[in-house]
Each structure stands twice: as C-alpha cells, then as structure tokens.
C-alpha cells in the first residue's frame, strides 16, 4: 500500500484541478469517485485508499 502525505496530496490534487480548469465534479467523474471524496482530498481530510485510484491519479500526471 502506498503511503500518502495528506497535506502534499491535498495541494497537488487541487493544483492539478485548478490548472486544468476542472470542477470538483468533473475531476470526480474522471477518477470515478464522489465529489465529497474530491473535497475531502483537497481539504487534507483524507487520501485515496484504493491502489486503483492511486494508479489513476498518477496516470493523470499528479505527483505529490
């Protein structure tokens, strides 16, 4: 399992979304997660737990 720093991940996911002018809903659709999940990630309240989701995030070029 990949260990993720919540604060670094939070900044990275939000920066990615804003640089591409995506809404949280659009990013949620791309990653097949809920808008609430995206919001929690951006607030540093949670990080992805499923390896599949982590792989999809990395495939988008998001690094933290």
Protein backbone atom coordinates (compact mmCIF):
# COMPACT_ATOMS: atom_id res chain seq x y z
CA UNK A 1 0.00 0.00 0.00
CA UNK A 2 1.27 3.46 -0.90
CA UNK A 3 1.69 5.89 2.00
CA UNK A 4 0.48 9.37 1.13
CA UNK A 5 1.22 12.63 2.94
CA UNK A 6 -2.22 14.24 3.28
CA UNK A 7 -1.08 17.86 3.02
CA UNK A 8 1.19 17.32 -0.01
CA UNK A 9 -1.52 15.30 -1.73
CA UNK A 10 -4.13 17.94 -0.90
CA UNK A 11 -2.10 20.69 -2.55
CA UNK A 12 -1.24 18.54 -5.57
CA UNK A 13 -4.78 17.41 -6.37
CA UNK A 14 -6.21 20.92 -6.01
CA UNK A 15 -3.41 22.45 -8.10
CA UNK A 16 -3.96 19.84 -10.84
CA UNK A 17 -7.71 20.51 -10.89
CA UNK A 18 -7.37 24.29 -10.96
CA UNK A 19 -4.62 24.31 -13.60
CA UNK A 20 -6.91 22.35 -15.90
CA UNK A 21 -9.95 24.47 -15.05
CA UNK A 22 -11.88 21.44 -13.83
CA UNK A 23 -14.65 21.48 -11.25
CA UNK A 24 -14.55 19.01 -8.40
CA UNK A 25 -17.42 17.22 -10.10
CA UNK A 26 -15.50 16.88 -13.38
CA UNK A 27 -12.44 15.50 -11.62
CA UNK A 28 -14.61 13.15 -9.60
CA UNK A 29 -16.08 11.77 -12.83
CA UNK A 30 -12.59 11.23 -14.30
CA UNK A 31 -11.50 9.29 -11.22
CA UNK A 32 -14.84 7.54 -10.63
CA UNK A 33 -15.16 8.87 -7.08
CA UNK A 34 -17.68 11.19 -5.43
CA UNK A 35 -17.47 14.97 -5.28
CA UNK A 36 -17.32 14.61 -1.50
CA UNK A 37 -14.21 12.47 -1.88
CA UNK A 38 -12.51 15.14 -4.01
CA UNK A 39 -13.46 17.83 -1.47
CA UNK A 40 -12.07 15.76 1.41
CA UNK A 41 -8.84 15.18 -0.50
CA UNK A 42 -8.46 18.90 -1.25
CA UNK A 43 -9.11 19.80 2.38
CA UNK A 44 -6.48 17.33 3.56
CA UNK A 45 -9.07 15.31 5.44
CA UNK A 46 -8.49 12.10 3.51
CA UNK A 47 -6.30 10.45 0.89
CA UNK A 48 -7.06 7.68 -1.61
CA UNK A 49 -7.02 4.23 -0.09
CA UNK A 50 -7.53 2.09 -3.17
CA UNK A 51 -4.46 1.29 -5.24
CA UNK A 52 -6.60 1.51 -8.39
CA UNK A 53 -7.47 5.13 -7.61
CA UNK A 54 -3.86 5.94 -6.79
CA UNK A 55 -2.77 4.48 -10.15
CA UNK A 56 -5.40 6.55 -12.00
CA UNK A 57 -4.27 9.72 -10.21
CA UNK A 58 -0.65 9.04 -11.13
CA UNK A 59 -1.69 8.32 -14.73
CA UNK A 60 -3.12 11.85 -14.89
CA UNK A 61 0.36 13.14 -14.02
CA UNK A 62 -0.47 14.17 -10.47
CA UNK A 63 2.55 13.80 -8.22
CA UNK A 64 2.99 14.72 -4.59
